[in-house]
Amino acid sequence: GLGLRCVARPAECSGGGIGRHACLRGMCRKAWGFESPPEHHSLDLRVDDGAPDLRPAFLMASALTIEKVEKRFGERVALDSVSVEVRPGELFFLLGPSGCGKTTLLRCVAGLCRPDTGRIWLDGMDITTRPAYQRGTAMVFQSYALWPHMTVLENVAFALRALRRPAAEARRRAMEMLERVRLADRADARPDELSGGQQQRVALARALAAEPRCLLLDEP
């Protein structure tokens, strides 16, 4: 994989593994107790393998571009001018401690939270103010967010019904996704009858059912 040059303390952030990653230590000052984060805690997205910095030509070089996004909740700074580039087809990781803004950033991309400032682009289209259902994104939440009163099949089909797909098509596609995650035999079960790992696979199947252009995974 590619090692991302992350301008944080090297001993606490490694660049190995599959895909690229960005360390978000500097995103939330409160998480680390800094009055103003030192320079070496800023987010740096230059790639160590000699590839050029993608930011100047972001509309041609990237599938997802997050440009100087800021988000506050009252006095708390959740996102502090965050910029991220993700290439087409790339597996990209966000690393950081609890409370540094990872989930907030994913929610901004998904359309579940609107940034105070900054822009978000997907496939060259500005989606900053678009509603979630018009973005072509899907998110698997850390809590899985399954409907407890629905069966496994109904949970997976729900995303398609929300997009106004015909009932028969939604059911067929949902079964295909359950077969892909090897849970077709639990289609009639309720979420509370599944293990935690099985619930996560249902959430993943639901996200994939709508064939999103961008899949967001919170603590996968």
N, C-alpha and C. Protein backbone atom coordinates (compact mmCIF):
# COMPACT_ATOMS: atom_id res chain seq x y z
N GLY A 1 0.83 -1.19 0.00
CA GLY A 1 0.00 0.00 0.00
C GLY A 1 0.86 1.25 0.00
N LEU A 2 0.24 2.38 -0.11
CA LEU A 2 0.95 3.64 -0.09
C LEU A 2 1.06 4.15 1.34
N GLY A 3 2.22 4.69 1.69
CA GLY A 3 2.38 5.30 2.99
C GLY A 3 2.09 6.78 2.89
N LEU A 4 1.17 7.26 3.71
CA LEU A 4 0.83 8.67 3.70
C LEU A 4 1.76 9.42 4.64
N ARG A 5 2.36 10.47 4.17
CA ARG A 5 3.23 11.28 5.02
C ARG A 5 2.36 12.09 5.95
N CYS A 6 2.33 11.69 7.20
CA CYS A 6 1.45 12.30 8.18
C CYS A 6 2.28 13.13 9.13
N VAL A 7 2.04 14.43 9.16
CA VAL A 7 2.87 15.31 9.98
C VAL A 7 2.35 15.30 11.41
N ALA A 8 2.52 14.16 12.05
CA ALA A 8 2.25 14.01 13.47
C ALA A 8 3.48 13.33 14.05
N ARG A 9 3.45 12.95 15.31
CA ARG A 9 4.63 12.32 15.88
C ARG A 9 4.81 10.95 15.26
N PRO A 10 5.92 10.68 14.61
CA PRO A 10 6.11 9.44 13.85
C PRO A 10 5.89 8.19 14.67
N ALA A 11 6.26 8.21 15.96
CA ALA A 11 6.12 7.01 16.77
C ALA A 11 4.67 6.63 17.01
N GLU A 12 3.76 7.57 16.79
CA GLU A 12 2.36 7.32 17.09
C GLU A 12 1.50 7.22 15.85
N CYS A 13 2.09 7.29 14.67
CA CYS A 13 1.30 7.23 13.45
C CYS A 13 2.14 6.62 12.34
N SER A 14 1.85 5.38 11.97
CA SER A 14 2.63 4.72 10.93
C SER A 14 1.88 4.76 9.62
N GLY A 15 2.61 4.66 8.52
CA GLY A 15 2.00 4.78 7.21
C GLY A 15 1.86 3.48 6.45
N GLY A 16 2.12 2.32 7.12
CA GLY A 16 2.06 1.06 6.41
C GLY A 16 0.64 0.54 6.26
N GLY A 17 0.50 -0.61 5.59
CA GLY A 17 -0.79 -1.25 5.46
C GLY A 17 -1.42 -1.03 4.10
N ILE A 18 -2.66 -1.50 3.97
CA ILE A 18 -3.38 -1.41 2.71
C ILE A 18 -3.98 -0.02 2.55
N GLY A 19 -3.84 0.57 1.37
CA GLY A 19 -4.43 1.87 1.12
C GLY A 19 -3.62 3.00 1.74
N ARG A 20 -4.20 4.20 1.69
CA ARG A 20 -3.55 5.35 2.31
C ARG A 20 -4.32 5.72 3.55
N HIS A 21 -3.70 6.53 4.42
CA HIS A 21 -4.42 6.97 5.60
C HIS A 21 -4.01 8.40 5.94
N ALA A 22 -4.87 9.05 6.70
CA ALA A 22 -4.57 10.39 7.19
C ALA A 22 -4.77 10.40 8.69
N CYS A 23 -3.81 10.98 9.40
CA CYS A 23 -3.94 11.11 10.85
C CYS A 23 -4.65 12.41 11.16
N LEU A 24 -5.70 12.34 11.97
CA LEU A 24 -6.50 13.52 12.27
C LEU A 24 -6.26 14.05 13.67
N ARG A 25 -5.05 13.90 14.17
CA ARG A 25 -4.77 14.36 15.53
C ARG A 25 -5.03 15.84 15.69
N GLY A 26 -4.73 16.63 14.66
CA GLY A 26 -4.85 18.07 14.79
C GLY A 26 -6.25 18.60 14.57
N MET A 27 -7.22 17.71 14.27
CA MET A 27 -8.56 18.18 13.92
C MET A 27 -9.32 18.69 15.13
N CYS A 28 -9.12 18.09 16.28
CA CYS A 28 -9.86 18.50 17.47
C CYS A 28 -8.87 18.85 18.57
N ARG A 29 -8.71 20.10 18.82
CA ARG A 29 -7.72 20.54 19.80
C ARG A 29 -8.07 20.01 21.20
N LYS A 30 -9.37 19.97 21.49
CA LYS A 30 -9.79 19.57 22.82
C LYS A 30 -9.38 18.14 23.15
N ALA A 31 -9.32 17.28 22.12
CA ALA A 31 -9.01 15.88 22.35
C ALA A 31 -7.61 15.71 22.93
N TRP A 32 -6.70 16.66 22.61
CA TRP A 32 -5.33 16.53 23.08
C TRP A 32 -4.91 17.66 24.02
N GLY A 33 -5.83 18.56 24.34
CA GLY A 33 -5.57 19.57 25.34
C GLY A 33 -4.67 20.70 24.89
N PHE A 34 -4.57 20.97 23.59
CA PHE A 34 -3.74 22.07 23.10
C PHE A 34 -4.57 23.34 23.00
N GLU A 35 -4.03 24.45 23.47
CA GLU A 35 -4.69 25.74 23.25
C GLU A 35 -4.71 26.05 21.76
N SER A 36 -3.59 25.87 21.09
CA SER A 36 -3.52 25.97 19.64
C SER A 36 -2.56 24.89 19.19
N PRO A 37 -2.99 23.98 18.32
CA PRO A 37 -2.16 22.82 17.98
C PRO A 37 -0.84 23.24 17.35
N PRO A 38 0.27 22.62 17.79
CA PRO A 38 1.56 22.95 17.17
C PRO A 38 1.58 22.60 15.70
N GLU A 39 2.51 23.17 14.99
CA GLU A 39 2.55 23.03 13.54
C GLU A 39 2.62 21.58 13.11
N HIS A 40 3.33 20.73 13.88
CA HIS A 40 3.50 19.36 13.43
C HIS A 40 2.26 18.50 13.69
N HIS A 41 1.17 19.09 14.14
CA HIS A 41 -0.07 18.35 14.30
C HIS A 41 -1.06 18.67 13.19
N SER A 42 -0.66 19.43 12.19
CA SER A 42 -1.57 19.75 11.10
C SER A 42 -1.72 18.55 10.18
N LEU A 43 -2.79 18.54 9.39
CA LEU A 43 -3.05 17.44 8.48
C LEU A 43 -2.29 17.66 7.18
N ASP A 44 -1.45 16.70 6.82
CA ASP A 44 -0.63 16.80 5.62
C ASP A 44 -0.93 15.58 4.76
N LEU A 45 -1.35 15.78 3.52
CA LEU A 45 -1.79 14.67 2.69
C LEU A 45 -0.87 14.44 1.50
N ARG A 46 0.43 14.73 1.65
CA ARG A 46 1.38 14.41 0.60
C ARG A 46 1.75 12.93 0.70
N VAL A 47 1.89 12.29 -0.43
CA VAL A 47 2.16 10.86 -0.45
C VAL A 47 3.66 10.62 -0.51
N ASP A 48 4.15 9.63 0.28
CA ASP A 48 5.58 9.39 0.40
C ASP A 48 6.20 8.66 -0.79
N ASP A 49 5.38 8.10 -1.68
CA ASP A 49 5.95 7.27 -2.74
C ASP A 49 6.42 8.08 -3.95
N GLY A 50 6.48 9.39 -3.81
CA GLY A 50 6.96 10.23 -4.89
C GLY A 50 5.86 10.77 -5.78
N ALA A 51 4.60 10.39 -5.52
CA ALA A 51 3.49 10.91 -6.31
C ALA A 51 3.31 12.39 -6.03
N PRO A 52 2.87 13.17 -6.99
CA PRO A 52 2.69 14.60 -6.77
C PRO A 52 1.53 14.89 -5.84
N ASP A 53 1.57 16.04 -5.22
CA ASP A 53 0.46 16.50 -4.40
C ASP A 53 -0.77 16.64 -5.30
N LEU A 54 -1.90 16.05 -4.89
CA LEU A 54 -3.09 16.03 -5.73
C LEU A 54 -3.94 17.29 -5.61
N ARG A 55 -3.72 18.09 -4.62
CA ARG A 55 -4.65 19.18 -4.34
C ARG A 55 -4.83 20.21 -5.46
N PRO A 56 -3.81 20.63 -6.17
CA PRO A 56 -4.04 21.67 -7.17
C PRO A 56 -4.99 21.27 -8.30
N ALA A 57 -5.00 20.00 -8.68
CA ALA A 57 -5.86 19.56 -9.79
C ALA A 57 -6.93 18.60 -9.28
N PHE A 58 -7.58 18.97 -8.15
CA PHE A 58 -8.42 18.00 -7.47
C PHE A 58 -9.60 17.52 -8.30
N LEU A 59 -10.15 18.33 -9.16
CA LEU A 59 -11.34 17.89 -9.89
C LEU A 59 -11.01 16.82 -10.92
N MET A 60 -9.78 16.78 -11.41
CA MET A 60 -9.40 15.77 -12.38
C MET A 60 -8.75 14.56 -11.72
N ALA A 61 -8.10 14.75 -10.58
CA ALA A 61 -7.28 13.70 -10.00
C ALA A 61 -7.98 12.90 -8.91
N SER A 62 -9.10 13.35 -8.39
CA SER A 62 -9.69 12.68 -7.24
C SER A 62 -11.16 12.38 -7.46
N ALA A 63 -11.62 11.34 -6.75
CA ALA A 63 -13.05 11.00 -6.76
C ALA A 63 -13.76 11.78 -5.67
N LEU A 64 -13.10 11.92 -4.52
CA LEU A 64 -13.67 12.66 -3.39
C LEU A 64 -12.69 13.73 -2.95
N THR A 65 -13.16 14.94 -2.85
CA THR A 65 -12.34 16.05 -2.38
C THR A 65 -13.07 16.76 -1.26
N ILE A 66 -12.40 16.88 -0.14
CA ILE A 66 -12.89 17.65 1.01
C ILE A 66 -11.98 18.85 1.13
N GLU A 67 -12.54 20.03 0.99
CA GLU A 67 -11.74 21.24 0.86
C GLU A 67 -12.03 22.23 2.00
N LYS A 68 -11.07 22.33 2.93
CA LYS A 68 -11.11 23.31 4.03
C LYS A 68 -12.43 23.26 4.78
N VAL A 69 -12.83 22.08 5.17
CA VAL A 69 -14.10 21.90 5.88
C VAL A 69 -13.92 22.20 7.37
N GLU A 70 -14.83 23.00 7.90
CA GLU A 70 -14.84 23.32 9.33
C GLU A 70 -16.22 23.01 9.89
N LYS A 71 -16.23 22.52 11.13
CA LYS A 71 -17.49 22.26 11.82
C LYS A 71 -17.30 22.47 13.31
N ARG A 72 -18.20 23.24 13.88
CA ARG A 72 -18.20 23.50 15.32
C ARG A 72 -19.53 23.06 15.92
N PHE A 73 -19.46 22.60 17.15
CA PHE A 73 -20.65 22.31 17.94
C PHE A 73 -20.56 23.19 19.17
N GLY A 74 -21.20 24.36 19.08
CA GLY A 74 -21.04 25.34 20.14
C GLY A 74 -19.62 25.88 20.14
N GLU A 75 -18.95 25.77 21.27
CA GLU A 75 -17.57 26.24 21.38
C GLU A 75 -16.56 25.16 20.97
N ARG A 76 -17.02 23.94 20.78
CA ARG A 76 -16.10 22.85 20.47
C ARG A 76 -15.81 22.78 18.98
N VAL A 77 -14.54 22.73 18.65
CA VAL A 77 -14.11 22.61 17.25
C VAL A 77 -14.02 21.12 16.92
N ALA A 78 -14.91 20.65 16.04
CA ALA A 78 -14.88 19.25 15.63
C ALA A 78 -13.98 19.05 14.42
N LEU A 79 -14.07 19.97 13.44
CA LEU A 79 -13.24 19.92 12.24
C LEU A 79 -12.63 21.28 12.03
N ASP A 80 -11.32 21.34 11.87
CA ASP A 80 -10.62 22.61 11.77
C ASP A 80 -9.91 22.71 10.41
N SER A 81 -10.62 23.22 9.40
CA SER A 81 -10.07 23.43 8.06
C SER A 81 -9.43 22.16 7.50
N VAL A 82 -10.21 21.10 7.42
CA VAL A 82 -9.71 19.80 6.97
C VAL A 82 -9.82 19.68 5.46
N SER A 83 -8.75 19.26 4.82
CA SER A 83 -8.72 19.01 3.38
C SER A 83 -8.22 17.59 3.13
N VAL A 84 -8.95 16.84 2.32
CA VAL A 84 -8.62 15.44 2.03
C VAL A 84 -8.85 15.18 0.55
N GLU A 85 -7.96 14.40 -0.07
CA GLU A 85 -8.12 13.94 -1.44
C GLU A 85 -8.16 12.42 -1.47
N VAL A 86 -9.16 11.83 -2.10
CA VAL A 86 -9.25 10.38 -2.25
C VAL A 86 -9.35 10.07 -3.74
N ARG A 87 -8.46 9.23 -4.23
CA ARG A 87 -8.40 8.91 -5.66
C ARG A 87 -9.50 7.92 -6.05
N PRO A 88 -9.85 7.86 -7.31
CA PRO A 88 -10.87 6.91 -7.76
C PRO A 88 -10.48 5.47 -7.42
N GLY A 89 -11.40 4.73 -6.82
CA GLY A 89 -11.17 3.35 -6.49
C GLY A 89 -10.26 3.11 -5.29
N GLU A 90 -9.89 4.15 -4.59
CA GLU A 90 -8.92 4.03 -3.51
C GLU A 90 -9.59 3.67 -2.18
N LEU A 91 -8.88 2.85 -1.40
CA LEU A 91 -9.26 2.55 -0.03
C LEU A 91 -8.48 3.51 0.86
N PHE A 92 -9.18 4.34 1.60
CA PHE A 92 -8.55 5.44 2.33
C PHE A 92 -8.97 5.38 3.79
N PHE A 93 -8.02 5.56 4.70
CA PHE A 93 -8.30 5.44 6.13
C PHE A 93 -8.12 6.78 6.83
N LEU A 94 -8.95 7.05 7.81
CA LEU A 94 -8.79 8.19 8.70
C LEU A 94 -8.42 7.65 10.07
N LEU A 95 -7.29 8.08 10.59
CA LEU A 95 -6.81 7.59 11.88
C LEU A 95 -6.78 8.73 12.88
N GLY A 96 -7.12 8.43 14.13
CA GLY A 96 -7.07 9.44 15.17
C GLY A 96 -7.77 8.97 16.42
N PRO A 97 -7.56 9.66 17.54
CA PRO A 97 -8.17 9.26 18.81
C PRO A 97 -9.65 9.58 18.85
N SER A 98 -10.33 9.03 19.82
CA SER A 98 -11.75 9.31 20.01
C SER A 98 -11.96 10.81 20.22
N GLY A 99 -12.93 11.37 19.50
CA GLY A 99 -13.25 12.78 19.66
C GLY A 99 -12.50 13.71 18.74
N CYS A 100 -11.69 13.18 17.80
CA CYS A 100 -10.89 14.06 16.95
C CYS A 100 -11.63 14.49 15.69
N GLY A 101 -12.82 13.93 15.41
CA GLY A 101 -13.60 14.42 14.28
C GLY A 101 -13.80 13.44 13.14
N LYS A 102 -13.38 12.19 13.29
CA LYS A 102 -13.48 11.22 12.19
C LYS A 102 -14.93 10.99 11.77
N THR A 103 -15.79 10.70 12.75
CA THR A 103 -17.20 10.44 12.43
C THR A 103 -17.87 11.70 11.89
N THR A 104 -17.56 12.84 12.46
CA THR A 104 -18.15 14.09 11.98
C THR A 104 -17.79 14.33 10.53
N LEU A 105 -16.55 14.03 10.15
CA LEU A 105 -16.14 14.21 8.76
C LEU A 105 -16.91 13.27 7.84
N LEU A 106 -17.07 12.01 8.25
CA LEU A 106 -17.84 11.05 7.45
C LEU A 106 -19.30 11.50 7.31
N ARG A 107 -19.87 12.01 8.39
CA ARG A 107 -21.26 12.47 8.35
C ARG A 107 -21.42 13.67 7.43
N CYS A 108 -20.40 14.52 7.36
CA CYS A 108 -20.45 15.66 6.44
C CYS A 108 -20.43 15.16 4.99
N VAL A 109 -19.62 14.16 4.71
CA VAL A 109 -19.58 13.60 3.35
C VAL A 109 -20.90 12.92 3.01
N ALA A 110 -21.49 12.24 3.98
CA ALA A 110 -22.73 11.50 3.75
C ALA A 110 -23.95 12.42 3.64
N GLY A 111 -23.81 13.66 4.06
CA GLY A 111 -24.95 14.57 4.01
C GLY A 111 -25.80 14.54 5.26
N LEU A 112 -25.29 13.96 6.33
CA LEU A 112 -26.02 13.88 7.59
C LEU A 112 -25.66 15.02 8.52
N CYS A 113 -24.67 15.80 8.11
CA CYS A 113 -24.20 16.93 8.90
C CYS A 113 -23.62 17.95 7.92
N ARG A 114 -24.06 19.19 7.99
CA ARG A 114 -23.58 20.20 7.05
C ARG A 114 -22.42 20.98 7.66
N PRO A 115 -21.29 21.09 6.94
CA PRO A 115 -20.16 21.84 7.48
C PRO A 115 -20.47 23.33 7.57
N ASP A 116 -19.82 23.99 8.51
CA ASP A 116 -20.00 25.44 8.66
C ASP A 116 -19.36 26.19 7.50
N THR A 117 -18.19 25.74 7.09
CA THR A 117 -17.50 26.32 5.94
C THR A 117 -16.80 25.20 5.19
N GLY A 118 -16.36 25.49 3.97
CA GLY A 118 -15.66 24.51 3.15
C GLY A 118 -16.58 23.85 2.14
N ARG A 119 -15.98 23.05 1.25
CA ARG A 119 -16.73 22.39 0.18
C ARG A 119 -16.39 20.91 0.12
N ILE A 120 -17.34 20.11 -0.38
CA ILE A 120 -17.13 18.68 -0.57
C ILE A 120 -17.53 18.34 -2.00
N TRP A 121 -16.62 17.67 -2.71
CA TRP A 121 -16.84 17.32 -4.11
C TRP A 121 -16.79 15.81 -4.26
N LEU A 122 -17.70 15.24 -5.06
CA LEU A 122 -17.70 13.82 -5.37
C LEU A 122 -17.81 13.66 -6.88
N ASP A 123 -16.81 13.03 -7.49
CA ASP A 123 -16.76 12.86 -8.94
C ASP A 123 -16.92 14.20 -9.68
N GLY A 124 -16.28 15.25 -9.14
CA GLY A 124 -16.31 16.56 -9.78
C GLY A 124 -17.56 17.36 -9.52
N MET A 125 -18.49 16.85 -8.71
CA MET A 125 -19.75 17.55 -8.43
C MET A 125 -19.74 18.06 -6.99
N ASP A 126 -20.10 19.32 -6.83
CA ASP A 126 -20.17 19.91 -5.50
C ASP A 126 -21.42 19.37 -4.79
N ILE A 127 -21.22 18.57 -3.73
CA ILE A 127 -22.35 17.97 -3.01
C ILE A 127 -22.52 18.57 -1.62
N THR A 128 -21.85 19.67 -1.34
CA THR A 128 -21.84 20.25 0.00
C THR A 128 -23.23 20.45 0.56
N THR A 129 -24.16 20.94 -0.25
CA THR A 129 -25.50 21.26 0.24
C THR A 129 -26.56 20.28 -0.26
N ARG A 130 -26.15 19.25 -0.99
CA ARG A 130 -27.12 18.28 -1.50
C ARG A 130 -27.66 17.41 -0.37
N PRO A 131 -28.93 17.04 -0.41
CA PRO A 131 -29.45 16.11 0.60
C PRO A 131 -28.79 14.75 0.47
N ALA A 132 -28.81 13.99 1.54
CA ALA A 132 -28.10 12.71 1.59
C ALA A 132 -28.52 11.76 0.48
N TYR A 133 -29.81 11.72 0.16
CA TYR A 133 -30.30 10.74 -0.82
C TYR A 133 -29.91 11.09 -2.25
N GLN A 134 -29.37 12.29 -2.49
CA GLN A 134 -28.95 12.69 -3.82
C GLN A 134 -27.43 12.67 -4.01
N ARG A 135 -26.70 12.14 -3.06
CA ARG A 135 -25.24 12.21 -3.10
C ARG A 135 -24.57 10.99 -3.71
N GLY A 136 -25.22 9.86 -3.69
CA GLY A 136 -24.57 8.64 -4.15
C GLY A 136 -23.59 8.09 -3.15
N THR A 137 -23.81 8.37 -1.86
CA THR A 137 -22.97 7.85 -0.80
C THR A 137 -23.79 6.91 0.08
N ALA A 138 -23.11 6.06 0.81
CA ALA A 138 -23.76 5.19 1.80
C ALA A 138 -22.81 5.05 2.98
N MET A 139 -23.38 4.94 4.18
CA MET A 139 -22.55 4.91 5.38
C MET A 139 -22.94 3.73 6.25
N VAL A 140 -21.93 3.02 6.74
CA VAL A 140 -22.13 1.97 7.74
C VAL A 140 -21.74 2.58 9.08
N PHE A 141 -22.72 2.72 9.97
CA PHE A 141 -22.49 3.40 11.23
C PHE A 141 -21.81 2.48 12.24
N GLN A 142 -21.12 3.10 13.18
CA GLN A 142 -20.44 2.33 14.22
C GLN A 142 -21.44 1.50 15.02
N SER A 143 -22.65 2.02 15.22
CA SER A 143 -23.68 1.31 15.98
C SER A 143 -24.55 0.43 15.09
N TYR A 144 -24.26 0.41 13.78
CA TYR A 144 -24.96 -0.36 12.74
C TYR A 144 -26.32 0.24 12.38
N ALA A 145 -27.05 0.83 13.34
CA ALA A 145 -28.30 1.55 13.07
C ALA A 145 -29.32 0.69 12.31
N LEU A 146 -29.50 -0.54 12.76
CA LEU A 146 -30.51 -1.41 12.15
C LEU A 146 -31.86 -1.17 12.80
N TRP A 147 -32.92 -1.29 12.00
CA TRP A 147 -34.27 -1.11 12.53
C TRP A 147 -34.65 -2.37 13.31
N PRO A 148 -34.90 -2.25 14.63
CA PRO A 148 -35.16 -3.46 15.43
C PRO A 148 -36.48 -4.15 15.10
N HIS A 149 -37.46 -3.41 14.55
CA HIS A 149 -38.77 -4.00 14.26
C HIS A 149 -38.83 -4.63 12.87
N MET A 150 -37.75 -4.50 12.09
CA MET A 150 -37.71 -5.07 10.74
C MET A 150 -36.87 -6.34 10.73
N THR A 151 -37.16 -7.21 9.79
CA THR A 151 -36.32 -8.37 9.58
C THR A 151 -35.02 -7.95 8.91
N VAL A 152 -34.08 -8.90 8.84
CA VAL A 152 -32.82 -8.64 8.16
C VAL A 152 -33.06 -8.24 6.71
N LEU A 153 -33.93 -8.97 6.03
CA LEU A 153 -34.23 -8.66 4.64
C LEU A 153 -34.85 -7.28 4.50
N GLU A 154 -35.77 -6.93 5.38
CA GLU A 154 -36.43 -5.62 5.32
C GLU A 154 -35.44 -4.50 5.60
N ASN A 155 -34.49 -4.74 6.49
CA ASN A 155 -33.47 -3.73 6.77
C ASN A 155 -32.63 -3.44 5.54
N VAL A 156 -32.22 -4.48 4.83
CA VAL A 156 -31.38 -4.29 3.64
C VAL A 156 -32.19 -3.64 2.52
N ALA A 157 -33.43 -4.05 2.38
CA ALA A 157 -34.28 -3.49 1.32
C ALA A 157 -34.70 -2.06 1.60
N PHE A 158 -34.61 -1.64 2.85
CA PHE A 158 -35.09 -0.31 3.23
C PHE A 158 -34.40 0.79 2.43
N ALA A 159 -33.09 0.66 2.23
CA ALA A 159 -32.35 1.68 1.49
C ALA A 159 -32.90 1.83 0.07
N LEU A 160 -33.29 0.73 -0.54
CA LEU A 160 -33.82 0.76 -1.90
C LEU A 160 -35.24 1.30 -1.93
N ARG A 161 -36.03 0.96 -0.92
CA ARG A 161 -37.39 1.49 -0.87
C ARG A 161 -37.37 3.00 -0.66
N ALA A 162 -36.38 3.48 0.11
CA ALA A 162 -36.24 4.92 0.32
C ALA A 162 -35.90 5.63 -0.98
N LEU A 163 -35.25 4.91 -1.91
CA LEU A 163 -34.94 5.46 -3.23
C LEU A 163 -36.08 5.22 -4.23
N ARG A 164 -37.23 4.75 -3.72
CA ARG A 164 -38.44 4.53 -4.52
C ARG A 164 -38.25 3.43 -5.56
N ARG A 165 -37.46 2.42 -5.25
CA ARG A 165 -37.35 1.26 -6.13
C ARG A 165 -38.59 0.38 -5.95
N PRO A 166 -39.05 -0.29 -6.99
CA PRO A 166 -40.18 -1.20 -6.85
C PRO A 166 -39.91 -2.27 -5.79
N ALA A 167 -40.97 -2.70 -5.10
CA ALA A 167 -40.82 -3.64 -4.00
C ALA A 167 -40.14 -4.93 -4.44
N ALA A 168 -40.52 -5.46 -5.59
CA ALA A 168 -39.94 -6.72 -6.06
C ALA A 168 -38.45 -6.56 -6.35
N GLU A 169 -38.07 -5.44 -6.95
CA GLU A 169 -36.66 -5.18 -7.24
C GLU A 169 -35.87 -5.01 -5.95
N ALA A 170 -36.45 -4.29 -4.99
CA ALA A 170 -35.77 -4.07 -3.71
C ALA A 170 -35.54 -5.40 -2.99
N ARG A 171 -36.55 -6.28 -3.01
CA ARG A 171 -36.40 -7.57 -2.35
C ARG A 171 -35.34 -8.43 -3.04
N ARG A 172 -35.34 -8.44 -4.38
CA ARG A 172 -34.37 -9.23 -5.11
C ARG A 172 -32.95 -8.75 -4.84
N ARG A 173 -32.77 -7.44 -4.91
CA ARG A 173 -31.44 -6.87 -4.69
C ARG A 173 -30.99 -7.11 -3.24
N ALA A 174 -31.91 -7.01 -2.29
CA ALA A 174 -31.57 -7.24 -0.89
C ALA A 174 -31.10 -8.68 -0.67
N MET A 175 -31.78 -9.63 -1.30
CA MET A 175 -31.37 -11.02 -1.18
C MET A 175 -30.00 -11.25 -1.79
N GLU A 176 -29.72 -10.59 -2.91
CA GLU A 176 -28.39 -10.71 -3.52
C GLU A 176 -27.31 -10.23 -2.57
N MET A 177 -27.58 -9.12 -1.88
CA MET A 177 -26.59 -8.59 -0.95
C MET A 177 -26.43 -9.50 0.27
N LEU A 178 -27.52 -10.09 0.74
CA LEU A 178 -27.43 -11.01 1.87
C LEU A 178 -26.65 -12.27 1.49
N GLU A 179 -26.81 -12.72 0.27
CA GLU A 179 -26.02 -13.85 -0.19
C GLU A 179 -24.54 -13.49 -0.25
N ARG A 180 -24.26 -12.26 -0.63
CA ARG A 180 -22.86 -11.82 -0.74
C ARG A 180 -22.19 -11.80 0.62
N VAL A 181 -22.94 -11.42 1.67
CA VAL A 181 -22.36 -11.38 3.02
C VAL A 181 -22.67 -12.67 3.80
N ARG A 182 -23.20 -13.67 3.09
CA ARG A 182 -23.46 -15.00 3.65
C ARG A 182 -24.46 -14.97 4.81
N LEU A 183 -25.54 -14.22 4.62
CA LEU A 183 -26.59 -14.17 5.63
C LEU A 183 -27.97 -14.41 5.03
N ALA A 184 -28.01 -15.02 3.85
CA ALA A 184 -29.30 -15.27 3.21
C ALA A 184 -30.19 -16.17 4.06
N ASP A 185 -29.57 -17.06 4.84
CA ASP A 185 -30.36 -17.97 5.67
C ASP A 185 -30.93 -17.30 6.91
N ARG A 186 -30.53 -16.04 7.17
CA ARG A 186 -31.07 -15.29 8.31
C ARG A 186 -31.94 -14.13 7.85
N ALA A 187 -32.44 -14.20 6.64
CA ALA A 187 -33.22 -13.09 6.06
C ALA A 187 -34.45 -12.75 6.88
N ASP A 188 -35.06 -13.75 7.55
CA ASP A 188 -36.29 -13.52 8.31
C ASP A 188 -36.04 -13.26 9.79
N ALA A 189 -34.77 -13.21 10.18
CA ALA A 189 -34.45 -12.97 11.58
C ALA A 189 -34.54 -11.47 11.90
N ARG A 190 -34.66 -11.17 13.19
CA ARG A 190 -34.62 -9.79 13.67
C ARG A 190 -33.18 -9.46 14.09
N PRO A 191 -32.81 -8.18 14.06
CA PRO A 191 -31.43 -7.82 14.42
C PRO A 191 -31.00 -8.32 15.79
N ASP A 192 -31.91 -8.34 16.78
CA ASP A 192 -31.52 -8.77 18.12
C ASP A 192 -31.29 -10.27 18.21
N GLU A 193 -31.56 -10.99 17.14
CA GLU A 193 -31.29 -12.42 17.08
C GLU A 193 -29.94 -12.74 16.45
N LEU A 194 -29.22 -11.70 16.06
CA LEU A 194 -27.93 -11.86 15.39
C LEU A 194 -26.79 -11.51 16.32
N SER A 195 -25.62 -12.02 16.02
CA SER A 195 -24.41 -11.61 16.74
C SER A 195 -24.00 -10.22 16.27
N GLY A 196 -23.05 -9.62 16.98
CA GLY A 196 -22.59 -8.30 16.59
C GLY A 196 -21.97 -8.29 15.21
N GLY A 197 -21.19 -9.34 14.91
CA GLY A 197 -20.58 -9.43 13.59
C GLY A 197 -21.60 -9.59 12.49
N GLN A 198 -22.64 -10.36 12.75
CA GLN A 198 -23.71 -10.54 11.76
C GLN A 198 -24.47 -9.23 11.54
N GLN A 199 -24.72 -8.48 12.61
CA GLN A 199 -25.38 -7.18 12.47
C GLN A 199 -24.55 -6.24 11.61
N GLN A 200 -23.24 -6.27 11.79
CA GLN A 200 -22.38 -5.41 10.99
C GLN A 200 -22.46 -5.80 9.51
N ARG A 201 -22.55 -7.09 9.23
CA ARG A 201 -22.67 -7.54 7.84
C ARG A 201 -24.00 -7.13 7.23
N VAL A 202 -25.05 -7.13 8.03
CA VAL A 202 -26.35 -6.63 7.54
C VAL A 202 -26.24 -5.15 7.19
N ALA A 203 -25.60 -4.38 8.06
CA ALA A 203 -25.43 -2.94 7.80
C ALA A 203 -24.61 -2.71 6.53
N LEU A 204 -23.60 -3.54 6.31
CA LEU A 204 -22.78 -3.43 5.11
C LEU A 204 -23.60 -3.79 3.87
N ALA A 205 -24.40 -4.85 3.97
CA ALA A 205 -25.26 -5.25 2.84
C ALA A 205 -26.24 -4.14 2.50
N ARG A 206 -26.80 -3.50 3.51
CA ARG A 206 -27.74 -2.40 3.27
C ARG A 206 -27.06 -1.25 2.55
N ALA A 207 -25.82 -0.94 2.96
CA ALA A 207 -25.10 0.16 2.33
C ALA A 207 -24.76 -0.15 0.88
N LEU A 208 -24.38 -1.40 0.60
CA LEU A 208 -23.99 -1.78 -0.74
C LEU A 208 -25.18 -1.97 -1.68
N ALA A 209 -26.36 -2.20 -1.13
CA ALA A 209 -27.53 -2.50 -1.96
C ALA A 209 -27.85 -1.38 -2.93
N ALA A 210 -27.62 -0.15 -2.52
CA ALA A 210 -27.96 1.00 -3.37
C ALA A 210 -26.84 1.34 -4.35
N GLU A 211 -25.78 0.54 -4.39
CA GLU A 211 -24.65 0.74 -5.30
C GLU A 211 -24.09 2.17 -5.21
N PRO A 212 -23.61 2.55 -4.03
CA PRO A 212 -23.11 3.92 -3.85
C PRO A 212 -21.81 4.17 -4.61
N ARG A 213 -21.58 5.41 -4.98
CA ARG A 213 -20.31 5.79 -5.58
C ARG A 213 -19.21 5.90 -4.53
N CYS A 214 -19.61 6.14 -3.28
CA CYS A 214 -18.67 6.32 -2.20
C CYS A 214 -19.22 5.60 -0.97
N LEU A 215 -18.47 4.62 -0.46
CA LEU A 215 -18.88 3.86 0.72
C LEU A 215 -18.11 4.34 1.93
N LEU A 216 -18.81 4.75 2.97
CA LEU A 216 -18.20 5.30 4.18
C LEU A 216 -18.40 4.31 5.32
N LEU A 217 -17.31 3.94 5.99
CA LEU A 217 -17.36 2.95 7.07
C LEU A 217 -16.85 3.58 8.35
N ASP A 218 -17.70 3.64 9.37
CA ASP A 218 -17.32 4.22 10.65
C ASP A 218 -16.92 3.10 11.60
N GLU A 219 -15.64 3.01 11.92
CA GLU A 219 -15.09 1.96 12.79
C GLU A 219 -15.45 0.57 12.26
N PRO A 220 -15.08 0.22 11.03
CA PRO A 220 -15.45 -1.07 10.48
C PRO A 220 -14.70 -2.23 11.16
